């Protein structure tokens, strides 16, 4: 959509960049925009994307934004924009439960102040619309929460939205908010963004503040944005990082991108493989130079590191956070009230965290993490590539009704053609290397399966190259949305990512 056409678009369908421009120019009233988004939230309440919304507070804040503009006050980059926060990101006004029962109604569960990343957004004029439903304690990939309910996928509500930031991705995909802030320890932004057909960004670890976010792993945790365009991600990155954005390249001619087939492209569901191959050919037609070279020893370098780090570090971080932030909720109470499967995992980690074997395993995982990071940095340099490209997940969104998909965390994922795949292989394998090595990774919609389910692809880049990656992603998304003339009609159903309206809402 051209910028000149934005004012004629239904308000809820505006991208973040479009809405911000209209609000600053006075072509759109903040109160009208907030009301349109709230109407969308209530119409799609069955998706369970939100754990908390305060209609009157966001409308009052929007009215204040309109008055500020009318008075000629300086306006921030996000003036009057309602955003959503994942329910593990502290907010002073709305509860922060991390999707777990013990924190629902805890005296000081909301914390004494907003999370650091939220403060940066509010300083630029953003408004808090609500908190998004999530997988319990961010420890899973389904967002099927035993306490707050399951998040539905806007493209097929009977299927999972992914996790752990499932409500965040679903809200953006269903046009309830232009963007949401999630968290990503090992795929929790990228997986739901891919399954819901939106854009998501995991930054280099340390790029954004994480104070005020319920912790799991200090080596892997980061917050990040989910939106409907790479341009929206770049704007939010500039606000949250305090770093200026880079200009997108004018084209893709000569851009070198890498494929590592042995690790990332094996055992894909046929429809995921088809969509990825067509996206790859489309980018090649726009000038991308594909470099096919396997990352040496990637399986042995990456295997098992993320769960070891998360298990060991969360066993120490969660009790400390509870003591500091929740007004007396103990780890014993948290475990006792957690979902059954998560209770088992938490209890086991608490029992073993101080054992010599656990300490030795943790130190070994840290050494392997360093080795993996070095191997990936050498790979980028040796092949002179800007990013390593792969499908985010090996499967499209599976049905949530299957018992194997409902456990937390899901031990197995039902495949479209029958049979099962482990959740770690289906969702975790392709996202883990970037998580472990602290790399930035941007997810873009690549197309759809023949059933209309989104397929997302990830672009993993060298550590610290966040702004360059987000600039490139804007040109990549344009290429994926607009096929060159030689593309056969209908070769990629739903390929223009903005054309497929989620089925759950009118």
Protein backbone atom coordinates (compact mmCIF):
# COMPACT_ATOMS: atom_id res chain seq x y z
CA UNK A 1 0.00 0.00 0.00
CA UNK A 2 1.30 3.45 -0.91
CA UNK A 3 1.61 5.97 1.90
CA UNK A 4 -0.83 8.22 0.05
CA UNK A 5 -3.47 5.49 0.23
CA UNK A 6 -3.13 4.91 3.97
CA UNK A 7 -5.76 7.45 4.97
CA UNK A 8 -8.44 5.51 3.06
CA UNK A 9 -7.60 2.22 4.78
CA UNK A 10 -9.72 0.91 7.66
CA UNK A 11 -7.88 2.12 10.79
CA UNK A 12 -7.29 -1.34 12.24
CA UNK A 13 -5.54 -2.47 9.04
CA UNK A 14 -2.94 0.31 9.10
CA UNK A 15 0.64 -0.68 9.69
CA UNK A 16 2.45 0.91 12.60
CA UNK A 17 4.38 3.26 10.32
CA UNK A 18 1.22 4.31 8.48
CA UNK A 19 -0.75 4.90 11.67
CA UNK A 20 2.08 6.87 13.28
CA UNK A 21 2.29 9.17 10.26
CA UNK A 22 -1.47 9.79 10.15
CA UNK A 23 -1.65 10.44 13.89
CA UNK A 24 1.21 12.94 13.82
CA UNK A 25 -0.31 14.74 10.82
CA UNK A 26 -3.76 14.91 12.42
CA UNK A 27 -5.37 12.87 9.64
CA UNK A 28 -6.36 10.26 12.24
CA UNK A 29 -7.53 10.92 15.79
CA UNK A 30 -5.88 8.77 18.44
CA UNK A 31 -9.22 8.18 20.17
CA UNK A 32 -10.81 6.93 16.94
CA UNK A 33 -7.84 4.68 16.27
CA UNK A 34 -7.90 3.21 19.77
CA UNK A 35 -11.65 2.65 19.55
CA UNK A 36 -11.27 0.81 16.23
CA UNK A 37 -8.60 -1.46 17.68
CA UNK A 38 -10.63 -2.15 20.82
CA UNK A 39 -13.62 -3.09 18.68
CA UNK A 40 -11.39 -5.51 16.83
CA UNK A 41 -10.14 -6.99 20.12
CA UNK A 42 -13.66 -7.61 21.38
CA UNK A 43 -14.85 -9.03 18.06
CA UNK A 44 -11.98 -11.50 18.17
CA UNK A 45 -12.12 -12.28 21.89
CA UNK A 46 -12.49 -15.97 21.07
CA UNK A 47 -8.85 -16.07 19.98
CA UNK A 48 -7.87 -15.39 23.62
CA UNK A 49 -5.00 -13.15 22.51
CA UNK A 50 -5.26 -10.90 25.59
CA UNK A 51 -5.06 -11.69 29.28
CA UNK A 52 -5.96 -8.10 30.25
CA UNK A 53 -7.36 -5.01 28.51
CA UNK A 54 -8.44 -1.72 30.12
CA UNK A 55 -10.70 -0.04 27.54
CA UNK A 56 -11.33 3.12 29.50
CA UNK A 57 -7.67 3.70 30.32
CA UNK A 58 -6.48 3.39 26.72
CA UNK A 59 -9.31 5.61 25.44
CA UNK A 60 -8.49 8.23 28.07
CA UNK A 61 -4.81 8.10 27.12
CA UNK A 62 -5.77 8.45 23.44
CA UNK A 63 -7.86 11.53 24.21
CA UNK A 64 -4.86 13.03 26.00
CA UNK A 65 -2.75 12.30 22.92
CA UNK A 66 -5.25 14.16 20.74
CA UNK A 67 -5.22 17.14 23.11
CA UNK A 68 -1.42 17.20 23.12
CA UNK A 69 -1.32 17.37 19.34
CA UNK A 70 -4.00 20.08 19.24
CA UNK A 71 -1.97 22.11 21.74
CA UNK A 72 1.11 21.93 19.52
CA UNK A 73 3.16 19.90 21.98
CA UNK A 74 6.19 17.93 20.70
CA UNK A 75 5.12 14.49 19.49
CA UNK A 76 7.09 11.28 19.85
CA UNK A 77 7.69 8.74 17.11
CA UNK A 78 4.87 6.54 18.46
CA UNK A 79 2.47 9.31 19.45
CA UNK A 80 -0.98 7.85 20.10
CA UNK A 81 -0.09 4.30 19.01
CA UNK A 82 -1.70 1.55 21.15
CA UNK A 83 0.64 -1.41 21.65
CA UNK A 84 0.40 -4.68 23.57
CA UNK A 85 2.90 -6.23 25.96
CA UNK A 86 3.43 -9.91 26.57
CA UNK A 87 2.25 -10.86 30.05
CA UNK A 88 5.80 -11.40 31.33
CA UNK A 89 6.77 -7.74 30.74
CA UNK A 90 6.04 -5.61 33.81
CA UNK A 91 3.46 -2.86 33.55
CA UNK A 92 2.44 -0.60 36.39
CA UNK A 93 -1.18 -0.34 35.27
CA UNK A 94 -2.05 -3.92 34.29
CA UNK A 95 -1.21 -7.22 36.05
CA UNK A 96 1.89 -9.17 35.06
CA UNK A 97 1.30 -12.88 35.62
CA UNK A 98 3.72 -14.58 33.19
CA UNK A 99 0.79 -16.87 32.46
CA UNK A 100 1.09 -18.75 35.74
CA UNK A 101 -1.53 -19.14 38.47
CA UNK A 102 0.57 -18.12 41.47
CA UNK A 103 1.17 -14.65 40.03
CA UNK A 104 -2.47 -13.97 39.14
CA UNK A 105 -3.59 -11.63 41.90
CA UNK A 106 -0.26 -11.61 43.72
CA UNK A 107 -0.05 -8.36 45.74
CA UNK A 108 2.84 -6.77 43.86
CA UNK A 109 2.85 -8.92 40.73
CA UNK A 110 2.63 -5.86 38.48
CA UNK A 111 5.86 -4.52 39.97
CA UNK A 112 6.56 -1.05 41.28
CA UNK A 113 7.26 0.32 37.79
CA UNK A 114 7.03 -0.41 34.11
CA UNK A 115 9.69 -2.56 32.46
CA UNK A 116 12.58 -0.62 30.95
CA UNK A 117 11.55 -1.43 27.39
CA UNK A 118 7.99 -0.24 28.09
CA UNK A 119 9.30 3.05 29.47
CA UNK A 120 11.17 3.66 26.21
CA UNK A 121 8.01 3.05 24.19
CA UNK A 122 5.88 5.31 26.40
CA UNK A 123 8.52 8.05 26.19
CA UNK A 124 7.87 8.16 22.44
CA UNK A 125 4.10 8.41 22.91
CA UNK A 126 2.98 4.76 22.77
CA UNK A 127 -0.13 3.71 24.72
CA UNK A 128 -0.67 0.38 26.50
CA UNK A 129 -3.73 -1.36 25.07
CA UNK A 130 -3.35 -4.64 26.97
CA UNK A 131 -1.31 -7.66 28.00
CA UNK A 132 -1.06 -10.71 25.76
CA UNK A 133 -1.79 -14.31 26.74
CA UNK A 134 1.32 -16.50 26.67
CA UNK A 135 2.59 -20.00 27.29
CA UNK A 136 2.99 -20.51 31.03
CA UNK A 137 6.25 -18.90 32.24
CA UNK A 138 7.33 -18.68 28.56
CA UNK A 139 8.37 -22.34 28.78
CA UNK A 140 6.77 -23.78 25.68
CA UNK A 141 5.92 -23.37 22.01
CA UNK A 142 2.10 -23.74 21.93
CA UNK A 143 0.55 -20.96 24.10
CA UNK A 144 -1.96 -23.53 25.33
CA UNK A 145 -2.13 -22.23 28.88
CA UNK A 146 -3.78 -24.37 31.60
CA UNK A 147 -4.76 -21.29 33.61
CA UNK A 148 -5.62 -18.65 30.98
CA UNK A 149 -6.71 -20.83 28.08
CA UNK A 150 -5.39 -21.56 24.60
CA UNK A 151 -4.52 -18.86 22.09
CA UNK A 152 -6.12 -19.54 18.71
CA UNK A 153 -4.36 -19.00 15.40
CA UNK A 154 -6.19 -16.20 13.50
CA UNK A 155 -5.80 -18.09 10.21
CA UNK A 156 -7.31 -21.28 11.66
CA UNK A 157 -8.54 -20.95 15.26
CA UNK A 158 -8.49 -24.71 15.83
CA UNK A 159 -4.71 -24.63 15.35
CA UNK A 160 -2.00 -23.38 17.69
CA UNK A 161 -0.65 -19.85 17.47
CA UNK A 162 2.84 -20.92 18.55
CA UNK A 163 4.65 -19.79 21.64
CA UNK A 164 5.52 -18.60 23.95
CA UNK A 165 4.45 -15.17 22.61
CA UNK A 166 1.35 -16.66 21.01
CA UNK A 167 -1.10 -13.98 22.11
CA UNK A 168 1.24 -11.26 20.84
CA UNK A 169 1.47 -12.76 17.35
CA UNK A 170 -2.24 -13.58 17.21
CA UNK A 171 -3.22 -10.03 18.19
CA UNK A 172 -1.03 -8.54 15.46
CA UNK A 173 -2.17 -11.05 12.82
CA UNK A 174 -5.84 -10.39 13.67
CA UNK A 175 -5.37 -6.60 13.35
CA UNK A 176 -6.08 -5.99 17.05
CA UNK A 177 -2.89 -3.96 17.47
CA UNK A 178 -0.33 -2.75 14.94
CA UNK A 179 2.48 -4.28 16.98
CA UNK A 180 3.22 -6.09 20.22
CA UNK A 181 6.30 -6.63 22.32
CA UNK A 182 7.12 -10.24 23.13
CA UNK A 183 10.10 -12.08 24.54
CA UNK A 184 12.34 -14.68 22.94
CA UNK A 185 14.56 -17.06 24.86
CA UNK A 186 14.60 -19.85 22.30
CA UNK A 187 12.14 -19.01 19.53
CA UNK A 188 9.28 -17.44 21.49
CA UNK A 189 8.89 -14.49 19.11
CA UNK A 190 9.97 -16.19 15.90
CA UNK A 191 7.81 -19.32 16.11
CA UNK A 192 4.44 -17.60 16.72
CA UNK A 193 5.29 -14.90 14.17
CA UNK A 194 5.88 -17.62 11.58
CA UNK A 195 2.79 -19.67 12.46
CA UNK A 196 0.55 -16.57 12.49
CA UNK A 197 1.96 -15.03 9.31
CA UNK A 198 3.46 -11.82 10.68
CA UNK A 199 6.93 -10.32 11.07
CA UNK A 200 9.01 -10.72 14.20
CA UNK A 201 12.46 -9.73 15.41
CA UNK A 202 14.79 -11.25 17.96
CA UNK A 203 17.63 -8.73 18.46
CA UNK A 204 21.21 -9.40 19.44
CA UNK A 205 21.17 -10.21 23.16
CA UNK A 206 21.73 -7.01 25.12
CA UNK A 207 20.34 -4.62 22.50
CA UNK A 208 17.18 -3.85 24.52
CA UNK A 209 16.78 -3.53 28.30
CA UNK A 210 15.35 -6.61 30.01
CA UNK A 211 14.80 -5.25 33.51
CA UNK A 212 11.21 -5.80 34.51
CA UNK A 213 10.87 -8.95 32.40
CA UNK A 214 10.24 -12.25 34.18
CA UNK A 215 13.59 -14.01 33.70
CA UNK A 216 14.45 -17.46 32.40
CA UNK A 217 18.00 -17.35 31.04
CA UNK A 218 20.31 -14.37 31.27
CA UNK A 219 22.39 -15.74 28.41
CA UNK A 220 19.44 -16.18 26.02
CA UNK A 221 16.60 -13.86 27.13
CA UNK A 222 15.63 -10.83 25.09
CA UNK A 223 12.50 -8.89 24.30
CA UNK A 224 11.55 -8.01 20.74
CA UNK A 225 8.78 -6.67 18.48
CA UNK A 226 6.11 -8.44 16.44
CA UNK A 227 4.41 -6.42 13.69
CA UNK A 228 3.00 -6.74 10.18
CA UNK A 229 5.94 -5.23 8.33
CA UNK A 230 9.71 -5.05 8.55
CA UNK A 231 9.46 -1.24 8.45
CA UNK A 232 7.40 -1.42 11.65
CA UNK A 233 10.05 -3.61 13.25
CA UNK A 234 12.76 -1.11 12.30
CA UNK A 235 10.83 1.78 13.85
CA UNK A 236 10.30 -0.12 17.09
CA UNK A 237 13.94 -1.21 17.13
CA UNK A 238 15.07 2.41 16.85
CA UNK A 239 12.86 3.36 19.81
CA UNK A 240 13.79 0.40 22.01
CA UNK A 241 17.53 0.47 21.23
CA UNK A 242 18.02 4.22 20.99
CA UNK A 243 19.97 3.63 17.78
CA UNK A 244 19.06 5.25 14.44
CA UNK A 245 17.70 2.98 11.71
CA UNK A 246 19.52 2.33 8.45
CA UNK A 247 18.00 3.07 5.06
CA UNK A 248 16.78 -0.04 3.20
CA UNK A 249 18.77 -1.01 0.09
CA UNK A 250 17.12 -0.02 -3.18
CA UNK A 251 17.26 -3.56 -4.50
CA UNK A 252 18.60 -7.05 -3.88
CA UNK A 253 21.00 -7.40 -6.81
CA UNK A 254 24.20 -9.01 -5.56
CA UNK A 255 22.94 -9.54 -1.99
CA UNK A 256 24.49 -12.78 -0.74
CA UNK A 257 22.36 -15.00 1.49
CA UNK A 258 23.28 -18.45 2.77
CA UNK A 259 21.58 -21.83 3.00
CA UNK A 260 22.81 -24.62 5.29
CA UNK A 261 20.64 -27.50 4.04
CA UNK A 262 21.83 -30.39 6.19
CA UNK A 263 20.75 -28.79 9.47
CA UNK A 264 17.92 -26.41 8.52
CA UNK A 265 16.21 -27.97 5.50
CA UNK A 266 15.92 -31.65 6.39
CA UNK A 267 12.57 -33.26 7.27
CA UNK A 268 10.45 -30.25 6.34
CA UNK A 269 6.75 -30.89 5.87
CA UNK A 270 6.16 -30.92 2.09
CA UNK A 271 4.01 -27.77 2.13
CA UNK A 272 6.59 -25.90 4.20
CA UNK A 273 9.31 -27.03 1.82
CA UNK A 274 7.26 -25.93 -1.19
CA UNK A 275 6.59 -22.46 0.22
CA UNK A 276 10.23 -22.02 1.22
CA UNK A 277 11.51 -23.11 -2.20
CA UNK A 278 9.18 -20.70 -3.97
CA UNK A 279 10.24 -17.85 -1.68
CA UNK A 280 13.87 -18.69 -2.39
CA UNK A 281 13.27 -18.64 -6.15
CA UNK A 282 11.38 -15.37 -5.84
CA UNK A 283 14.28 -13.71 -4.04
CA UNK A 284 16.70 -15.10 -6.63
CA UNK A 285 14.58 -13.53 -9.37
CA UNK A 286 14.99 -10.21 -7.56
CA UNK A 287 18.79 -10.56 -7.64
CA UNK A 288 19.70 -12.46 -4.46
CA UNK A 289 22.81 -14.62 -4.80
CA UNK A 290 22.27 -17.83 -2.85
CA UNK A 291 25.32 -19.47 -1.27
CA UNK A 292 24.73 -23.11 -0.34
CA UNK A 293 27.21 -24.29 2.29
CA UNK A 294 26.62 -26.26 5.47
CA UNK A 295 27.77 -24.78 8.77
CA UNK A 296 30.42 -27.29 9.90
CA UNK A 297 29.38 -29.58 12.77
CA UNK A 298 26.25 -27.55 13.51
CA UNK A 299 24.29 -30.52 14.89
CA UNK A 300 26.98 -31.42 17.41
CA UNK A 301 27.67 -27.79 18.31
CA UNK A 302 24.04 -26.79 18.96
CA UNK A 303 22.39 -29.94 20.28
CA UNK A 304 21.13 -29.68 23.85
CA UNK A 305 22.69 -26.33 24.74
CA UNK A 306 19.52 -24.24 24.98
CA UNK A 307 17.56 -26.56 27.32
CA UNK A 308 20.62 -26.92 29.56
CA UNK A 309 21.11 -23.16 29.83
CA UNK A 310 17.40 -22.45 30.34
CA UNK A 311 16.94 -25.20 32.92
CA UNK A 312 19.97 -24.23 35.00
CA UNK A 313 19.62 -20.46 34.80
CA UNK A 314 15.86 -20.36 35.36
CA UNK A 315 16.25 -22.53 38.47
CA UNK A 316 18.32 -19.72 39.97
CA UNK A 317 16.65 -16.68 38.40
CA UNK A 318 13.00 -17.43 39.15
CA UNK A 319 13.32 -17.75 42.97
CA UNK A 320 15.32 -14.51 43.11
CA UNK A 321 12.79 -12.68 40.92
CA UNK A 322 9.86 -13.95 42.99
CA UNK A 323 11.46 -12.74 46.19
CA UNK A 324 12.17 -9.30 44.75
CA UNK A 325 9.03 -8.61 42.74
CA UNK A 326 5.96 -10.52 43.92
CA UNK A 327 5.26 -9.62 47.51
CA UNK A 328 5.98 -13.06 48.91
CA UNK A 329 5.11 -15.67 46.27
CA UNK A 330 7.52 -18.54 46.88
CA UNK A 331 9.06 -20.92 44.37
CA UNK A 332 7.28 -23.78 46.14
CA UNK A 333 3.93 -22.07 45.60
CA UNK A 334 4.75 -21.27 41.98
CA UNK A 335 5.58 -24.93 41.31
CA UNK A 336 2.58 -26.24 43.23
CA UNK A 337 0.14 -24.12 41.21
CA UNK A 338 1.84 -24.57 37.83
CA UNK A 339 0.46 -26.83 35.12
CA UNK A 340 1.24 -30.49 35.77
CA UNK A 341 3.94 -30.98 33.14
CA UNK A 342 5.64 -27.67 33.88
CA UNK A 343 5.51 -28.47 37.59
CA UNK A 344 7.56 -31.59 36.91
CA UNK A 345 10.20 -29.70 34.93
CA UNK A 346 10.48 -26.90 37.48
CA UNK A 347 10.71 -29.33 40.38
CA UNK A 348 13.41 -31.39 38.67
CA UNK A 349 15.48 -28.27 37.95
CA UNK A 350 15.22 -27.08 41.56
CA UNK A 351 16.26 -30.50 42.84
CA UNK A 352 19.36 -30.77 40.65
CA UNK A 353 20.59 -27.20 40.11
CA UNK A 354 23.23 -27.40 42.85
CA UNK A 355 24.47 -30.89 42.05
CA UNK A 356 28.03 -31.33 40.74
CA UNK A 357 26.68 -32.95 37.59
CA UNK A 358 24.38 -30.00 36.87
CA UNK A 359 27.15 -27.48 37.43
CA UNK A 360 29.52 -29.43 35.17
CA UNK A 361 26.85 -29.72 32.48
CA UNK A 362 26.15 -26.01 32.67
CA UNK A 363 29.82 -25.07 32.33
CA UNK A 364 30.15 -27.43 29.37
CA UNK A 365 27.10 -25.81 27.73
CA UNK A 366 28.67 -22.37 28.14
CA UNK A 367 31.88 -23.57 26.47
CA UNK A 368 29.92 -25.08 23.59
CA UNK A 369 27.94 -21.85 23.28
CA UNK A 370 31.16 -19.95 22.72
CA UNK A 371 32.29 -22.51 20.15
CA UNK A 372 28.99 -22.26 18.27
CA UNK A 373 29.13 -18.47 18.23
CA UNK A 374 32.64 -18.56 16.83
CA UNK A 375 31.70 -21.11 14.17
CA UNK A 376 28.78 -18.99 12.96
CA UNK A 377 30.79 -15.77 12.88
CA UNK A 378 33.48 -17.54 10.82
CA UNK A 379 30.79 -18.91 8.50
CA UNK A 380 29.38 -15.43 7.81
CA UNK A 381 32.86 -14.05 7.14
CA UNK A 382 34.13 -16.97 5.04
CA UNK A 383 31.15 -16.91 2.68
CA UNK A 384 30.66 -13.12 2.73
CA UNK A 385 26.93 -13.49 3.39
CA UNK A 386 24.61 -11.04 5.12
CA UNK A 387 22.30 -13.67 6.61
CA UNK A 388 21.64 -17.39 6.96
CA UNK A 389 18.12 -18.21 5.74
CA UNK A 390 15.81 -21.06 6.74
CA UNK A 391 12.20 -21.92 7.57
CA UNK A 392 11.41 -21.02 11.16
CA UNK A 393 9.53 -24.26 11.80
CA UNK A 394 9.51 -27.59 10.01
CA UNK A 395 5.72 -27.68 10.16
CA UNK A 396 2.81 -25.32 9.65
CA UNK A 397 0.56 -24.68 12.65
CA UNK A 398 -0.64 -28.08 13.95
CA UNK A 399 -4.11 -28.77 15.26
CA UNK A 400 -4.47 -27.87 18.91
CA UNK A 401 -7.02 -30.59 19.59
CA UNK A 402 -4.44 -33.36 19.35
CA UNK A 403 -3.47 -34.45 22.88
CA UNK A 404 0.18 -34.52 21.86
CA UNK A 405 0.00 -30.81 20.99
CA UNK A 406 -1.70 -29.73 24.23
CA UNK A 407 0.86 -30.78 26.82
CA UNK A 408 3.24 -28.20 28.20
CA UNK A 409 5.78 -28.33 26.69
CA UNK A 410 4.43 -30.39 23.79
CA UNK A 411 6.49 -33.60 23.48
CA UNK A 412 5.28 -34.33 19.96
CA UNK A 413 3.67 -32.52 17.06
CA UNK A 414 1.14 -34.17 14.73
CA UNK A 415 2.13 -33.96 11.06
CA UNK A 416 -0.23 -33.12 8.21
CA UNK A 417 0.49 -36.44 6.50
CA UNK A 418 0.16 -38.44 9.73
CA UNK A 419 2.72 -39.44 12.30
CA UNK A 420 4.50 -37.33 14.88
CA UNK A 421 7.61 -35.17 15.13
CA UNK A 422 9.18 -34.11 18.40
CA UNK A 423 8.41 -30.52 19.33
CA UNK A 424 12.12 -29.81 19.64
CA UNK A 425 12.67 -30.90 16.04
CA UNK A 426 9.50 -29.26 14.68
CA UNK A 427 9.92 -25.90 16.40
CA UNK A 428 13.18 -25.74 18.34
CA UNK A 429 15.90 -26.99 16.02
CA UNK A 430 15.96 -24.19 13.47
CA UNK A 431 15.65 -21.33 15.96
CA UNK A 432 18.19 -22.60 18.50
CA UNK A 433 21.51 -21.67 16.84
CA UNK A 434 20.65 -17.95 16.66
CA UNK A 435 19.38 -18.06 20.26
CA UNK A 436 22.49 -19.75 21.58
CA UNK A 437 24.90 -17.52 19.65
CA UNK A 438 23.00 -14.31 20.58
CA UNK A 439 22.43 -13.45 16.90
CA UNK A 440 19.76 -11.11 15.55
CA UNK A 441 17.06 -12.91 13.57
CA UNK A 442 14.15 -11.44 11.63
CA UNK A 443 11.13 -13.48 10.54
CA UNK A 444 9.11 -12.60 7.44
CA UNK A 445 5.97 -14.21 6.01
CA UNK A 446 6.98 -16.33 3.02
CA UNK A 447 3.65 -17.62 1.78
CA UNK A 448 1.01 -20.17 2.66
CA UNK A 449 0.34 -23.86 2.47
CA UNK A 450 -2.50 -25.05 0.27
CA UNK A 451 -4.67 -25.08 3.41
CA UNK A 452 -4.01 -21.37 3.89
CA UNK A 453 -1.59 -21.76 6.81
CA UNK A 454 1.27 -19.25 6.99
CA UNK A 455 4.91 -20.22 6.50
CA UNK A 456 7.60 -17.94 7.92
CA UNK A 457 11.28 -17.76 7.07
CA UNK A 458 14.09 -16.50 9.28
CA UNK A 459 17.12 -14.44 8.35
CA UNK A 460 19.86 -14.92 10.99
CA UNK A 461 22.69 -12.37 10.84
CA UNK A 462 26.02 -11.70 12.59
CA UNK A 463 25.89 -10.44 16.16
CA UNK A 464 25.49 -6.67 16.30
CA UNK A 465 24.25 -6.27 12.72
CA UNK A 466 20.67 -5.58 13.83
CA UNK A 467 20.10 -2.28 12.03
CA UNK A 468 21.56 -3.59 8.78
CA UNK A 469 19.42 -6.73 9.00
CA UNK A 470 16.21 -4.75 9.59
CA UNK A 471 16.99 -2.45 6.68
CA UNK A 472 17.59 -5.44 4.41
CA UNK A 473 14.40 -7.10 5.69
CA UNK A 474 12.30 -4.23 4.37
CA UNK A 475 13.56 -4.82 0.83
CA UNK A 476 13.26 -8.59 1.24
CA UNK A 477 9.64 -8.26 2.32
CA UNK A 478 8.84 -6.11 -0.68
CA UNK A 479 10.34 -8.77 -2.94
CA UNK A 480 8.37 -11.54 -1.25
CA UNK A 481 5.13 -9.56 -1.57
CA UNK A 482 5.60 -8.46 -5.17
CA UNK A 483 6.64 -11.21 -7.58
CA UNK A 484 8.72 -10.33 -10.64
CA UNK A 485 6.98 -10.47 -13.99
CA UNK A 486 8.24 -13.97 -14.77
CA UNK A 487 6.46 -15.51 -11.77
CA UNK A 488 3.64 -17.77 -12.92
CA UNK A 489 0.19 -16.66 -11.75
CA UNK A 490 -0.90 -18.59 -8.69
CA UNK A 491 2.54 -20.10 -8.13
CA UNK A 492 2.50 -19.08 -4.48
CA UNK A 493 -1.01 -18.95 -3.05
CA UNK A 494 -1.52 -15.93 -0.84
CA UNK A 495 2.00 -14.75 -1.56
CA UNK A 496 1.22 -11.07 -1.00
CA UNK A 497 1.20 -11.30 2.78
CA UNK A 498 -1.41 -8.60 3.26
CA UNK A 499 -4.05 -10.29 1.10
CA UNK A 500 -5.09 -13.25 3.25
CA UNK A 501 -7.49 -12.03 5.93
CA UNK A 502 -7.48 -14.19 9.08
CA UNK A 503 -10.53 -16.45 9.06
CA UNK A 504 -11.44 -15.90 12.71
CA UNK A 505 -12.71 -12.34 12.24
CA UNK A 506 -14.88 -10.53 9.70
